[in-house]
Structure formats: structure tokens, C-alpha cells
Amino acid sequence: MLNLWHALQGWFEAALAGMGTPLVIALALALTTLLLEDLAIAAGVALAAQGLISWELSLAAVAAGIAIGDLGLYALGLGARRMAWLRRRYGGSRADWARDKLRGQLGTAVLLARAIPGLRLATYTACGFVRVALLPFTLWVLLAVALWTAGLFALSAAIGHALAEALGLPLPLAVALPVIALALVFPLVRWLRRARPVAGVGPPPRVKR
């Protein structure tokens, strides 16, 4: 595994060498969040651990990219209002109820959607669809992203340094492992829940004659 990591590290460093300044690396990290958020966080902590970019700039770049993506979901919900069939289906009393709930508990909704996998797309697009005020939504998103990203960076750094010392792993790999593990745990849990048979459901047992 270490040989594979060293090979990947050499390739990655060679690719980064052509990217030039830390600002270019920061831009690449921000853009990566729009594709794979977890990958961007893992890459950000690994690059900071290697000294190719400062921890502060890496954190700022990843957080900025995530925040832009979250605001993009709001814009997506706002744009969905132009679709007549969506307005007919979710408009009227449903939209009024959702608007009242989101306005009354906007902070809770945004923070929970950031922390719980699967909620963010529905919650943030709904905020745009029912036209929750943009400024409060943006401020809550910025707070949620700052707490989430800083927490993951701090957790990865603490656990990564412990893993590097205990197992002798390269520090960039060690600090990236906690984020990679978290990214894999939630899909695995969802898959296990779907795969688990529900009691009382399924064909009846065969009776031997």
C-alpha cells in the first residue's frame, strides 16, 4: 500500500508542479468541490500537510467552493419556478407551508442539511423554490460551511497525525484517510439499510410435503 501511495504521490506532485503558485492550487481545490466535495477536502488537507499550500489558504479555497455550490442549489430551486408543472405541483398551500417552516427554522434547516447526507439538495433547492430571503440564507450557509469545513480539517489533522505516528504512514495519506473514511461510511450505511430484508416481507417459506 505504501508503494502505491508513493507512486501516486509522485504523480500528484509532478502534476501540481505544473500548476505553479498556491493560488492556482487553491483555485483547483475550489473547482473540485463542485464535482466531489469529499475529494476536495481530502486533497486540501493532504496538500496542506505536504506544504504545497498553507492550511489557511487550503481551508479558505475549499470552503469558498462548497459555499458557491450550496448557493448554486438555491439558484437551481429559484430557476425551477419557471417550470409550470413544478409550480402547479408544489405551489399554493404547499409552498406557503414550506415557506413558513423554512423562514421560521431557517438556521436549523441549513445546519442540519449541511451535516446530514441527503438533505442538502432537497432543503437548499426548496429554499430557492419558495423564495426564502437570500441574505439570511447566504449567511446561514456561510456559517454552516465554515463550521463543517473547519471541523473536518481539524479532525483530519488530529487523527492524521496520530495515524502517521502510530502506523508510520506518510502524513499526507494519514490526514486524508479520516475524510475518505467518512465519505465511504454514509453510502455504505445507506446501502446496508436498503439491502437488509424487512421482517414480514418476502415470499412465504416453502412447506415440505
N, C-alpha and C. Protein backbone atom coordinates (compact mmCIF):
# COMPACT_ATOMS: atom_id res chain seq x y z
N MET A 1 0.83 -1.20 0.00
CA MET A 1 0.00 0.00 0.00
C MET A 1 0.87 1.26 0.00
N LEU A 2 1.96 1.20 0.79
CA LEU A 2 2.84 2.36 0.84
C LEU A 2 3.51 2.61 -0.51
N ASN A 3 3.88 1.54 -1.21
CA ASN A 3 4.49 1.71 -2.53
C ASN A 3 3.51 2.37 -3.50
N LEU A 4 2.24 1.94 -3.43
CA LEU A 4 1.22 2.55 -4.28
C LEU A 4 1.03 4.02 -3.93
N TRP A 5 1.01 4.32 -2.61
CA TRP A 5 0.86 5.71 -2.21
C TRP A 5 2.02 6.57 -2.69
N HIS A 6 3.26 6.06 -2.57
CA HIS A 6 4.42 6.83 -3.01
C HIS A 6 4.36 7.07 -4.53
N ALA A 7 3.88 6.08 -5.27
CA ALA A 7 3.75 6.25 -6.71
C ALA A 7 2.71 7.32 -7.04
N LEU A 8 1.56 7.25 -6.35
CA LEU A 8 0.52 8.25 -6.58
C LEU A 8 0.98 9.63 -6.14
N GLN A 9 1.72 9.67 -5.02
CA GLN A 9 2.21 10.95 -4.52
C GLN A 9 3.18 11.58 -5.51
N GLY A 10 4.06 10.76 -6.10
CA GLY A 10 4.99 11.29 -7.08
C GLY A 10 4.29 11.84 -8.30
N TRP A 11 3.27 11.11 -8.75
CA TRP A 11 2.50 11.58 -9.91
C TRP A 11 1.76 12.86 -9.58
N PHE A 12 1.16 12.91 -8.37
CA PHE A 12 0.38 14.07 -7.96
C PHE A 12 1.25 15.31 -7.83
N GLU A 13 2.42 15.13 -7.24
CA GLU A 13 3.33 16.26 -7.07
C GLU A 13 3.84 16.76 -8.41
N ALA A 14 4.07 15.83 -9.34
CA ALA A 14 4.51 16.23 -10.67
C ALA A 14 3.42 17.04 -11.38
N ALA A 15 2.16 16.60 -11.18
CA ALA A 15 1.06 17.34 -11.80
C ALA A 15 0.92 18.72 -11.17
N LEU A 16 1.08 18.79 -9.85
CA LEU A 16 0.95 20.07 -9.17
C LEU A 16 2.09 21.02 -9.51
N ALA A 17 3.26 20.45 -9.81
CA ALA A 17 4.41 21.29 -10.13
C ALA A 17 4.12 22.15 -11.36
N GLY A 18 3.28 21.64 -12.25
CA GLY A 18 2.94 22.41 -13.43
C GLY A 18 1.85 23.43 -13.18
N MET A 19 1.23 23.38 -11.99
CA MET A 19 0.15 24.30 -11.68
C MET A 19 0.67 25.62 -11.16
N GLY A 20 1.94 25.63 -10.72
CA GLY A 20 2.54 26.90 -10.32
C GLY A 20 2.24 27.29 -8.90
N THR A 21 1.68 28.45 -8.71
CA THR A 21 1.56 29.08 -7.41
C THR A 21 0.48 28.43 -6.55
N PRO A 22 0.55 28.63 -5.22
CA PRO A 22 -0.51 28.13 -4.34
C PRO A 22 -1.90 28.67 -4.70
N LEU A 23 -1.96 29.87 -5.27
CA LEU A 23 -3.26 30.42 -5.66
C LEU A 23 -3.91 29.58 -6.76
N VAL A 24 -3.10 29.07 -7.67
CA VAL A 24 -3.64 28.21 -8.72
C VAL A 24 -4.12 26.89 -8.11
N ILE A 25 -3.36 26.36 -7.16
CA ILE A 25 -3.77 25.13 -6.47
C ILE A 25 -5.08 25.39 -5.71
N ALA A 26 -5.19 26.55 -5.07
CA ALA A 26 -6.41 26.89 -4.35
C ALA A 26 -7.60 26.95 -5.30
N LEU A 27 -7.40 27.51 -6.48
CA LEU A 27 -8.48 27.58 -7.46
C LEU A 27 -8.90 26.17 -7.89
N ALA A 28 -7.92 25.29 -8.08
CA ALA A 28 -8.22 23.91 -8.45
C ALA A 28 -9.01 23.21 -7.35
N LEU A 29 -8.67 23.46 -6.09
CA LEU A 29 -9.42 22.87 -4.99
C LEU A 29 -10.86 23.37 -4.96
N ALA A 30 -11.02 24.68 -5.15
CA ALA A 30 -12.37 25.25 -5.14
C ALA A 30 -13.23 24.66 -6.25
N LEU A 31 -12.65 24.50 -7.42
CA LEU A 31 -13.41 23.92 -8.54
C LEU A 31 -13.72 22.44 -8.30
N THR A 32 -12.82 21.74 -7.62
CA THR A 32 -13.03 20.32 -7.34
C THR A 32 -14.23 20.12 -6.44
N THR A 33 -14.50 21.06 -5.53
CA THR A 33 -15.66 20.92 -4.64
C THR A 33 -16.97 20.85 -5.42
N LEU A 34 -17.01 21.47 -6.60
CA LEU A 34 -18.23 21.45 -7.40
C LEU A 34 -18.49 20.08 -8.01
N LEU A 35 -17.45 19.24 -8.05
CA LEU A 35 -17.59 17.88 -8.57
C LEU A 35 -17.70 16.87 -7.44
N LEU A 36 -16.71 16.85 -6.57
CA LEU A 36 -16.68 15.91 -5.45
C LEU A 36 -16.18 16.65 -4.21
N GLU A 37 -17.10 16.99 -3.34
CA GLU A 37 -16.76 17.78 -2.16
C GLU A 37 -15.78 17.04 -1.25
N ASP A 38 -16.05 15.76 -1.00
CA ASP A 38 -15.18 14.99 -0.10
C ASP A 38 -13.76 14.86 -0.66
N LEU A 39 -13.67 14.67 -1.97
CA LEU A 39 -12.35 14.58 -2.60
C LEU A 39 -11.59 15.88 -2.44
N ALA A 40 -12.28 17.00 -2.58
CA ALA A 40 -11.62 18.30 -2.43
C ALA A 40 -11.10 18.50 -1.01
N ILE A 41 -11.89 18.09 -0.02
CA ILE A 41 -11.45 18.23 1.37
C ILE A 41 -10.25 17.34 1.64
N ALA A 42 -10.31 16.08 1.17
CA ALA A 42 -9.19 15.16 1.36
C ALA A 42 -7.94 15.69 0.67
N ALA A 43 -8.10 16.19 -0.55
CA ALA A 43 -6.94 16.74 -1.26
C ALA A 43 -6.42 18.00 -0.57
N GLY A 44 -7.33 18.81 -0.04
CA GLY A 44 -6.90 20.03 0.63
C GLY A 44 -6.05 19.76 1.86
N VAL A 45 -6.47 18.81 2.70
CA VAL A 45 -5.68 18.51 3.89
C VAL A 45 -4.37 17.82 3.52
N ALA A 46 -4.40 16.98 2.47
CA ALA A 46 -3.17 16.30 2.05
C ALA A 46 -2.16 17.30 1.50
N LEU A 47 -2.62 18.24 0.69
CA LEU A 47 -1.72 19.24 0.11
C LEU A 47 -1.16 20.17 1.19
N ALA A 48 -1.99 20.51 2.17
CA ALA A 48 -1.52 21.36 3.26
C ALA A 48 -0.47 20.63 4.10
N ALA A 49 -0.70 19.32 4.32
CA ALA A 49 0.25 18.53 5.09
C ALA A 49 1.59 18.41 4.36
N GLN A 50 1.55 18.45 3.03
CA GLN A 50 2.78 18.39 2.24
C GLN A 50 3.49 19.74 2.17
N GLY A 51 2.82 20.78 2.55
CA GLY A 51 3.42 22.11 2.48
C GLY A 51 3.31 22.76 1.12
N LEU A 52 2.52 22.16 0.22
CA LEU A 52 2.35 22.75 -1.11
C LEU A 52 1.42 23.96 -1.09
N ILE A 53 0.64 24.06 -0.02
CA ILE A 53 -0.27 25.19 0.15
C ILE A 53 -0.47 25.34 1.66
N SER A 54 -0.71 26.54 2.13
CA SER A 54 -0.90 26.73 3.56
C SER A 54 -2.24 26.15 4.00
N TRP A 55 -2.33 25.81 5.28
CA TRP A 55 -3.58 25.28 5.80
C TRP A 55 -4.69 26.32 5.67
N GLU A 56 -4.37 27.58 5.92
CA GLU A 56 -5.39 28.63 5.86
C GLU A 56 -5.93 28.82 4.44
N LEU A 57 -5.03 28.84 3.46
CA LEU A 57 -5.47 29.02 2.08
C LEU A 57 -6.23 27.80 1.59
N SER A 58 -5.78 26.62 1.96
CA SER A 58 -6.48 25.40 1.57
C SER A 58 -7.90 25.39 2.14
N LEU A 59 -8.02 25.72 3.42
CA LEU A 59 -9.34 25.76 4.06
C LEU A 59 -10.24 26.79 3.40
N ALA A 60 -9.70 27.98 3.13
CA ALA A 60 -10.49 29.04 2.52
C ALA A 60 -10.95 28.65 1.12
N ALA A 61 -10.08 28.01 0.35
CA ALA A 61 -10.44 27.62 -1.01
C ALA A 61 -11.53 26.57 -1.02
N VAL A 62 -11.39 25.56 -0.17
CA VAL A 62 -12.39 24.50 -0.12
C VAL A 62 -13.73 25.05 0.38
N ALA A 63 -13.69 25.88 1.43
CA ALA A 63 -14.93 26.45 1.97
C ALA A 63 -15.61 27.35 0.94
N ALA A 64 -14.84 28.13 0.21
CA ALA A 64 -15.43 29.01 -0.80
C ALA A 64 -16.10 28.20 -1.90
N GLY A 65 -15.44 27.14 -2.35
CA GLY A 65 -16.03 26.31 -3.38
C GLY A 65 -17.32 25.64 -2.92
N ILE A 66 -17.33 25.14 -1.67
CA ILE A 66 -18.53 24.50 -1.13
C ILE A 66 -19.67 25.50 -1.01
N ALA A 67 -19.37 26.70 -0.52
CA ALA A 67 -20.40 27.73 -0.36
C ALA A 67 -21.00 28.12 -1.70
N ILE A 68 -20.16 28.24 -2.72
CA ILE A 68 -20.66 28.58 -4.06
C ILE A 68 -21.59 27.47 -4.57
N GLY A 69 -21.22 26.24 -4.34
CA GLY A 69 -22.07 25.13 -4.74
C GLY A 69 -23.40 25.13 -4.02
N ASP A 70 -23.39 25.44 -2.71
CA ASP A 70 -24.63 25.48 -1.95
C ASP A 70 -25.54 26.60 -2.44
N LEU A 71 -24.97 27.76 -2.72
CA LEU A 71 -25.77 28.86 -3.26
C LEU A 71 -26.29 28.53 -4.66
N GLY A 72 -25.53 27.71 -5.38
CA GLY A 72 -26.00 27.26 -6.68
C GLY A 72 -27.26 26.40 -6.58
N LEU A 73 -27.39 25.64 -5.49
CA LEU A 73 -28.61 24.85 -5.27
C LEU A 73 -29.81 25.76 -5.04
N TYR A 74 -29.60 26.85 -4.33
CA TYR A 74 -30.66 27.85 -4.15
C TYR A 74 -31.08 28.40 -5.51
N ALA A 75 -30.09 28.74 -6.33
CA ALA A 75 -30.40 29.26 -7.67
C ALA A 75 -31.14 28.23 -8.51
N LEU A 76 -30.79 26.95 -8.32
CA LEU A 76 -31.47 25.88 -9.05
C LEU A 76 -32.94 25.82 -8.66
N GLY A 77 -33.22 25.94 -7.36
CA GLY A 77 -34.62 25.95 -6.93
C GLY A 77 -35.36 27.18 -7.42
N LEU A 78 -34.67 28.31 -7.44
CA LEU A 78 -35.28 29.54 -7.94
C LEU A 78 -35.61 29.40 -9.43
N GLY A 79 -34.68 28.79 -10.18
CA GLY A 79 -34.92 28.59 -11.60
C GLY A 79 -36.04 27.61 -11.88
N ALA A 80 -36.26 26.66 -10.95
CA ALA A 80 -37.33 25.67 -11.14
C ALA A 80 -38.71 26.31 -11.12
N ARG A 81 -38.81 27.52 -10.57
CA ARG A 81 -40.11 28.21 -10.56
C ARG A 81 -40.57 28.54 -11.96
N ARG A 82 -39.66 28.56 -12.91
CA ARG A 82 -40.04 28.86 -14.29
C ARG A 82 -40.74 27.68 -14.95
N MET A 83 -40.68 26.51 -14.32
CA MET A 83 -41.33 25.32 -14.88
C MET A 83 -42.77 25.26 -14.38
N ALA A 84 -43.71 25.38 -15.29
CA ALA A 84 -45.12 25.48 -14.91
C ALA A 84 -45.60 24.24 -14.15
N TRP A 85 -45.16 23.07 -14.57
CA TRP A 85 -45.66 21.85 -13.93
C TRP A 85 -45.16 21.74 -12.49
N LEU A 86 -43.96 22.28 -12.21
CA LEU A 86 -43.48 22.29 -10.84
C LEU A 86 -44.25 23.29 -9.98
N ARG A 87 -44.55 24.44 -10.56
CA ARG A 87 -45.34 25.44 -9.82
C ARG A 87 -46.71 24.88 -9.48
N ARG A 88 -47.31 24.14 -10.44
CA ARG A 88 -48.64 23.57 -10.17
C ARG A 88 -48.58 22.50 -9.09
N ARG A 89 -47.52 21.71 -9.11
CA ARG A 89 -47.43 20.59 -8.18
C ARG A 89 -47.06 21.04 -6.77
N TYR A 90 -46.11 21.99 -6.69
CA TYR A 90 -45.60 22.38 -5.36
C TYR A 90 -46.01 23.78 -4.95
N GLY A 91 -46.80 24.43 -5.77
CA GLY A 91 -47.23 25.77 -5.42
C GLY A 91 -48.42 25.77 -4.47
N GLY A 92 -49.03 26.92 -4.32
CA GLY A 92 -50.22 27.04 -3.50
C GLY A 92 -49.95 26.83 -2.03
N SER A 93 -50.83 26.05 -1.38
CA SER A 93 -50.73 25.85 0.07
C SER A 93 -49.45 25.14 0.46
N ARG A 94 -48.96 24.23 -0.39
CA ARG A 94 -47.71 23.53 -0.08
C ARG A 94 -46.55 24.51 0.01
N ALA A 95 -46.49 25.41 -0.96
CA ALA A 95 -45.40 26.39 -0.96
C ALA A 95 -45.51 27.32 0.24
N ASP A 96 -46.75 27.72 0.58
CA ASP A 96 -46.93 28.61 1.74
C ASP A 96 -46.48 27.91 3.02
N TRP A 97 -46.84 26.63 3.16
CA TRP A 97 -46.44 25.89 4.37
C TRP A 97 -44.93 25.75 4.44
N ALA A 98 -44.29 25.38 3.31
CA ALA A 98 -42.83 25.21 3.28
C ALA A 98 -42.14 26.54 3.54
N ARG A 99 -42.66 27.61 2.98
CA ARG A 99 -42.05 28.93 3.19
C ARG A 99 -42.10 29.32 4.65
N ASP A 100 -43.24 29.10 5.29
CA ASP A 100 -43.38 29.45 6.71
C ASP A 100 -42.44 28.61 7.57
N LYS A 101 -42.33 27.31 7.27
CA LYS A 101 -41.46 26.44 8.05
C LYS A 101 -40.00 26.84 7.88
N LEU A 102 -39.59 27.10 6.65
CA LEU A 102 -38.20 27.44 6.39
C LEU A 102 -37.84 28.80 6.96
N ARG A 103 -38.74 29.75 6.85
CA ARG A 103 -38.45 31.07 7.41
C ARG A 103 -38.35 31.01 8.93
N GLY A 104 -39.20 30.19 9.55
CA GLY A 104 -39.19 30.11 11.00
C GLY A 104 -38.03 29.31 11.56
N GLN A 105 -37.53 28.37 10.77
CA GLN A 105 -36.45 27.50 11.25
C GLN A 105 -35.33 27.42 10.22
N LEU A 106 -35.02 28.54 9.61
CA LEU A 106 -34.04 28.53 8.53
C LEU A 106 -32.67 28.08 9.01
N GLY A 107 -32.20 28.60 10.12
CA GLY A 107 -30.88 28.23 10.62
C GLY A 107 -30.77 26.75 10.90
N THR A 108 -31.78 26.19 11.58
CA THR A 108 -31.77 24.76 11.88
C THR A 108 -31.78 23.94 10.60
N ALA A 109 -32.62 24.35 9.64
CA ALA A 109 -32.72 23.60 8.40
C ALA A 109 -31.41 23.59 7.63
N VAL A 110 -30.75 24.74 7.54
CA VAL A 110 -29.50 24.83 6.79
C VAL A 110 -28.39 24.03 7.48
N LEU A 111 -28.30 24.15 8.81
CA LEU A 111 -27.24 23.45 9.54
C LEU A 111 -27.44 21.94 9.49
N LEU A 112 -28.68 21.49 9.63
CA LEU A 112 -28.94 20.05 9.57
C LEU A 112 -28.69 19.51 8.16
N ALA A 113 -29.07 20.28 7.15
CA ALA A 113 -28.86 19.84 5.77
C ALA A 113 -27.38 19.73 5.45
N ARG A 114 -26.56 20.58 6.03
CA ARG A 114 -25.11 20.52 5.82
C ARG A 114 -24.50 19.30 6.50
N ALA A 115 -25.07 18.89 7.65
CA ALA A 115 -24.48 17.80 8.43
C ALA A 115 -25.02 16.43 8.06
N ILE A 116 -26.27 16.35 7.60
CA ILE A 116 -26.91 15.06 7.34
C ILE A 116 -26.90 14.78 5.85
N PRO A 117 -26.24 13.71 5.40
CA PRO A 117 -26.19 13.40 3.97
C PRO A 117 -27.59 13.17 3.40
N GLY A 118 -27.81 13.71 2.22
CA GLY A 118 -29.07 13.52 1.52
C GLY A 118 -30.08 14.64 1.70
N LEU A 119 -29.87 15.51 2.68
CA LEU A 119 -30.84 16.58 2.93
C LEU A 119 -30.52 17.87 2.18
N ARG A 120 -29.27 18.05 1.83
CA ARG A 120 -28.84 19.36 1.32
C ARG A 120 -29.52 19.72 0.01
N LEU A 121 -29.57 18.79 -0.92
CA LEU A 121 -30.15 19.08 -2.23
C LEU A 121 -31.61 19.49 -2.09
N ALA A 122 -32.38 18.70 -1.34
CA ALA A 122 -33.81 18.99 -1.19
C ALA A 122 -34.03 20.29 -0.42
N THR A 123 -33.29 20.51 0.66
CA THR A 123 -33.51 21.68 1.50
C THR A 123 -33.12 22.97 0.80
N TYR A 124 -31.94 22.98 0.20
CA TYR A 124 -31.45 24.22 -0.39
C TYR A 124 -32.22 24.59 -1.66
N THR A 125 -32.60 23.60 -2.46
CA THR A 125 -33.41 23.92 -3.64
C THR A 125 -34.81 24.37 -3.23
N ALA A 126 -35.33 23.78 -2.14
CA ALA A 126 -36.65 24.21 -1.64
C ALA A 126 -36.59 25.66 -1.19
N CYS A 127 -35.49 26.06 -0.56
CA CYS A 127 -35.33 27.46 -0.14
C CYS A 127 -35.41 28.39 -1.34
N GLY A 128 -34.80 27.99 -2.43
CA GLY A 128 -34.89 28.82 -3.63
C GLY A 128 -36.26 28.79 -4.25
N PHE A 129 -36.91 27.63 -4.24
CA PHE A 129 -38.22 27.49 -4.89
C PHE A 129 -39.28 28.33 -4.19
N VAL A 130 -39.24 28.36 -2.86
CA VAL A 130 -40.24 29.14 -2.13
C VAL A 130 -39.77 30.57 -1.86
N ARG A 131 -38.61 30.92 -2.39
CA ARG A 131 -38.06 32.27 -2.30
C ARG A 131 -37.82 32.72 -0.86
N VAL A 132 -37.13 31.88 -0.12
CA VAL A 132 -36.63 32.33 1.18
C VAL A 132 -35.68 33.49 0.93
N ALA A 133 -35.68 34.48 1.81
CA ALA A 133 -34.83 35.65 1.63
C ALA A 133 -33.37 35.24 1.43
N LEU A 134 -32.75 35.77 0.39
CA LEU A 134 -31.41 35.33 0.01
C LEU A 134 -30.35 35.69 1.04
N LEU A 135 -30.42 36.88 1.62
CA LEU A 135 -29.37 37.30 2.55
C LEU A 135 -29.30 36.40 3.79
N PRO A 136 -30.41 36.15 4.49
CA PRO A 136 -30.32 35.24 5.65
C PRO A 136 -29.88 33.84 5.24
N PHE A 137 -30.37 33.36 4.11
CA PHE A 137 -29.96 32.03 3.64
C PHE A 137 -28.46 32.00 3.40
N THR A 138 -27.93 33.03 2.75
CA THR A 138 -26.50 33.07 2.45
C THR A 138 -25.67 33.10 3.73
N LEU A 139 -26.10 33.89 4.70
CA LEU A 139 -25.35 33.99 5.96
C LEU A 139 -25.35 32.65 6.70
N TRP A 140 -26.47 31.97 6.72
CA TRP A 140 -26.53 30.65 7.38
C TRP A 140 -25.68 29.64 6.63
N VAL A 141 -25.69 29.70 5.30
CA VAL A 141 -24.85 28.79 4.51
C VAL A 141 -23.38 29.02 4.81
N LEU A 142 -22.97 30.29 4.85
CA LEU A 142 -21.57 30.60 5.14
C LEU A 142 -21.16 30.09 6.52
N LEU A 143 -22.04 30.24 7.49
CA LEU A 143 -21.74 29.73 8.84
C LEU A 143 -21.65 28.21 8.84
N ALA A 144 -22.61 27.56 8.19
CA ALA A 144 -22.63 26.09 8.15
C ALA A 144 -21.38 25.55 7.45
N VAL A 145 -21.01 26.16 6.34
CA VAL A 145 -19.84 25.70 5.59
C VAL A 145 -18.56 25.93 6.41
N ALA A 146 -18.47 27.09 7.06
CA ALA A 146 -17.28 27.38 7.86
C ALA A 146 -17.11 26.37 8.99
N LEU A 147 -18.20 26.08 9.71
CA LEU A 147 -18.13 25.12 10.81
C LEU A 147 -17.80 23.72 10.30
N TRP A 148 -18.47 23.32 9.22
CA TRP A 148 -18.30 21.97 8.66
C TRP A 148 -16.88 21.77 8.14
N THR A 149 -16.40 22.71 7.35
CA THR A 149 -15.08 22.56 6.73
C THR A 149 -13.97 22.65 7.77
N ALA A 150 -14.06 23.65 8.65
CA ALA A 150 -13.04 23.79 9.69
C ALA A 150 -13.02 22.57 10.60
N GLY A 151 -14.21 22.04 10.91
CA GLY A 151 -14.27 20.84 11.74
C GLY A 151 -13.61 19.64 11.09
N LEU A 152 -13.87 19.46 9.80
CA LEU A 152 -13.26 18.32 9.09
C LEU A 152 -11.75 18.49 8.96
N PHE A 153 -11.30 19.71 8.70
CA PHE A 153 -9.86 19.95 8.61
C PHE A 153 -9.19 19.66 9.95
N ALA A 154 -9.79 20.16 11.05
CA ALA A 154 -9.21 19.94 12.37
C ALA A 154 -9.22 18.46 12.74
N LEU A 155 -10.33 17.78 12.45
CA LEU A 155 -10.43 16.36 12.75
C LEU A 155 -9.42 15.56 11.96
N SER A 156 -9.28 15.88 10.67
CA SER A 156 -8.34 15.15 9.81
C SER A 156 -6.91 15.37 10.27
N ALA A 157 -6.59 16.60 10.66
CA ALA A 157 -5.23 16.90 11.11
C ALA A 157 -4.91 16.14 12.40
N ALA A 158 -5.85 16.14 13.35
CA ALA A 158 -5.61 15.49 14.64
C ALA A 158 -5.48 13.98 14.47
N ILE A 159 -6.45 13.37 13.79
CA ILE A 159 -6.42 11.91 13.60
C ILE A 159 -5.26 11.52 12.69
N GLY A 160 -5.02 12.33 11.65
CA GLY A 160 -3.96 12.00 10.71
C GLY A 160 -2.59 11.98 11.36
N HIS A 161 -2.31 12.94 12.21
CA HIS A 161 -1.01 12.96 12.89
C HIS A 161 -0.88 11.74 13.81
N ALA A 162 -1.98 11.34 14.46
CA ALA A 162 -1.94 10.15 15.32
C ALA A 162 -1.70 8.90 14.49
N LEU A 163 -2.35 8.79 13.34
CA LEU A 163 -2.16 7.63 12.47
C LEU A 163 -0.74 7.58 11.92
N ALA A 164 -0.22 8.73 11.55
CA ALA A 164 1.14 8.78 11.00
C ALA A 164 2.16 8.30 12.03
N GLU A 165 1.96 8.72 13.28
CA GLU A 165 2.90 8.31 14.32
C GLU A 165 2.72 6.84 14.70
N ALA A 166 1.48 6.37 14.76
CA ALA A 166 1.22 5.01 15.20
C ALA A 166 1.54 3.97 14.13
N LEU A 167 1.22 4.27 12.88
CA LEU A 167 1.35 3.28 11.81
C LEU A 167 2.50 3.57 10.86
N GLY A 168 3.14 4.73 11.01
CA GLY A 168 4.23 5.07 10.11
C GLY A 168 3.77 5.43 8.71
N LEU A 169 2.52 5.88 8.58
CA LEU A 169 2.01 6.26 7.26
C LEU A 169 2.55 7.63 6.87
N PRO A 170 2.68 7.88 5.57
CA PRO A 170 3.02 9.25 5.14
C PRO A 170 1.96 10.22 5.63
N LEU A 171 2.38 11.38 6.12
CA LEU A 171 1.43 12.32 6.71
C LEU A 171 0.33 12.74 5.74
N PRO A 172 0.62 13.05 4.47
CA PRO A 172 -0.47 13.43 3.57
C PRO A 172 -1.54 12.34 3.43
N LEU A 173 -1.12 11.08 3.39
CA LEU A 173 -2.09 9.98 3.33
C LEU A 173 -2.86 9.88 4.64
N ALA A 174 -2.16 10.00 5.76
CA ALA A 174 -2.80 9.84 7.07
C ALA A 174 -3.87 10.89 7.31
N VAL A 175 -3.60 12.15 6.94
CA VAL A 175 -4.59 13.20 7.20
C VAL A 175 -5.77 13.10 6.24
N ALA A 176 -5.58 12.49 5.08
CA ALA A 176 -6.68 12.34 4.13
C ALA A 176 -7.60 11.17 4.48
N LEU A 177 -7.08 10.18 5.21
CA LEU A 177 -7.85 8.98 5.50
C LEU A 177 -9.14 9.24 6.27
N PRO A 178 -9.16 10.10 7.30
CA PRO A 178 -10.44 10.33 8.00
C PRO A 178 -11.55 10.85 7.10
N VAL A 179 -11.21 11.75 6.19
CA VAL A 179 -12.23 12.29 5.28
C VAL A 179 -12.70 11.21 4.32
N ILE A 180 -11.76 10.43 3.80
CA ILE A 180 -12.12 9.35 2.89
C ILE A 180 -13.02 8.34 3.60
N ALA A 181 -12.69 8.03 4.86
CA ALA A 181 -13.50 7.08 5.63
C ALA A 181 -14.91 7.60 5.82
N LEU A 182 -15.06 8.88 6.18
CA LEU A 182 -16.39 9.46 6.34
C LEU A 182 -17.18 9.44 5.04
N ALA A 183 -16.48 9.70 3.94
CA ALA A 183 -17.15 9.72 2.63
C ALA A 183 -17.67 8.34 2.26
N LEU A 184 -17.01 7.28 2.75
CA LEU A 184 -17.42 5.92 2.42
C LEU A 184 -18.44 5.37 3.40
N VAL A 185 -18.43 5.85 4.64
CA VAL A 185 -19.29 5.28 5.67
C VAL A 185 -20.76 5.52 5.36
N PHE A 186 -21.13 6.76 5.02
CA PHE A 186 -22.54 7.09 4.84
C PHE A 186 -23.17 6.33 3.66
N PRO A 187 -22.53 6.26 2.48
CA PRO A 187 -23.11 5.45 1.41
C PRO A 187 -23.20 3.98 1.80
N LEU A 188 -22.22 3.48 2.56
CA LEU A 188 -22.26 2.08 2.98
C LEU A 188 -23.43 1.82 3.92
N VAL A 189 -23.68 2.75 4.85
CA VAL A 189 -24.81 2.60 5.77
C VAL A 189 -26.12 2.61 5.01
N ARG A 190 -26.26 3.53 4.04
CA ARG A 190 -27.49 3.57 3.25
C ARG A 190 -27.68 2.29 2.46
N TRP A 191 -26.58 1.76 1.91
CA TRP A 191 -26.67 0.52 1.13
C TRP A 191 -27.09 -0.65 2.02
N LEU A 192 -26.53 -0.71 3.23
CA LEU A 192 -26.88 -1.80 4.15
C LEU A 192 -28.34 -1.72 4.56
N ARG A 193 -28.84 -0.50 4.75
CA ARG A 193 -30.25 -0.35 5.11
C ARG A 193 -31.16 -0.82 3.99
N ARG A 194 -30.79 -0.51 2.76
CA ARG A 194 -31.61 -0.94 1.64
C ARG A 194 -31.52 -2.45 1.42
N ALA A 195 -30.34 -3.00 1.68
CA ALA A 195 -30.14 -4.43 1.44
C ALA A 195 -30.72 -5.29 2.54
N ARG A 196 -30.95 -4.72 3.74
CA ARG A 196 -31.45 -5.50 4.85
C ARG A 196 -32.89 -5.89 4.60
N PRO A 197 -33.23 -7.18 4.67
CA PRO A 197 -34.62 -7.60 4.46
C PRO A 197 -35.52 -7.11 5.58
N VAL A 198 -36.70 -6.67 5.22
CA VAL A 198 -37.67 -6.19 6.20
C VAL A 198 -38.47 -7.36 6.74
N ALA A 199 -38.63 -7.41 8.06
CA ALA A 199 -39.36 -8.51 8.67
C ALA A 199 -40.80 -8.59 8.15
N GLY A 200 -41.21 -9.80 7.77
CA GLY A 200 -42.57 -9.99 7.29
C GLY A 200 -42.75 -9.74 5.82
N VAL A 201 -41.68 -9.32 5.13
CA VAL A 201 -41.77 -9.03 3.70
C VAL A 201 -41.00 -10.09 2.94
N GLY A 202 -41.61 -10.57 1.88
CA GLY A 202 -40.94 -11.59 1.08
C GLY A 202 -41.82 -12.80 0.93
N PRO A 203 -41.40 -13.73 0.10
CA PRO A 203 -42.22 -14.91 -0.15
C PRO A 203 -42.32 -15.77 1.09
N PRO A 204 -43.45 -16.44 1.29
CA PRO A 204 -43.61 -17.31 2.45
C PRO A 204 -42.68 -18.51 2.35
N PRO A 205 -42.30 -19.10 3.49
CA PRO A 205 -41.41 -20.26 3.45
C PRO A 205 -42.08 -21.46 2.80
N ARG A 206 -41.30 -22.21 2.11
CA ARG A 206 -41.82 -23.40 1.45
C ARG A 206 -42.11 -24.48 2.48
N VAL A 207 -43.24 -25.16 2.31
CA VAL A 207 -43.63 -26.23 3.22
C VAL A 207 -43.28 -27.55 2.59
N LYS A 208 -42.51 -28.34 3.32
CA LYS A 208 -42.12 -29.65 2.80
C LYS A 208 -43.30 -30.63 2.89
N ARG A 209 -43.47 -31.37 1.85
CA ARG A 209 -44.55 -32.38 1.84
C ARG A 209 -43.94 -33.77 1.99
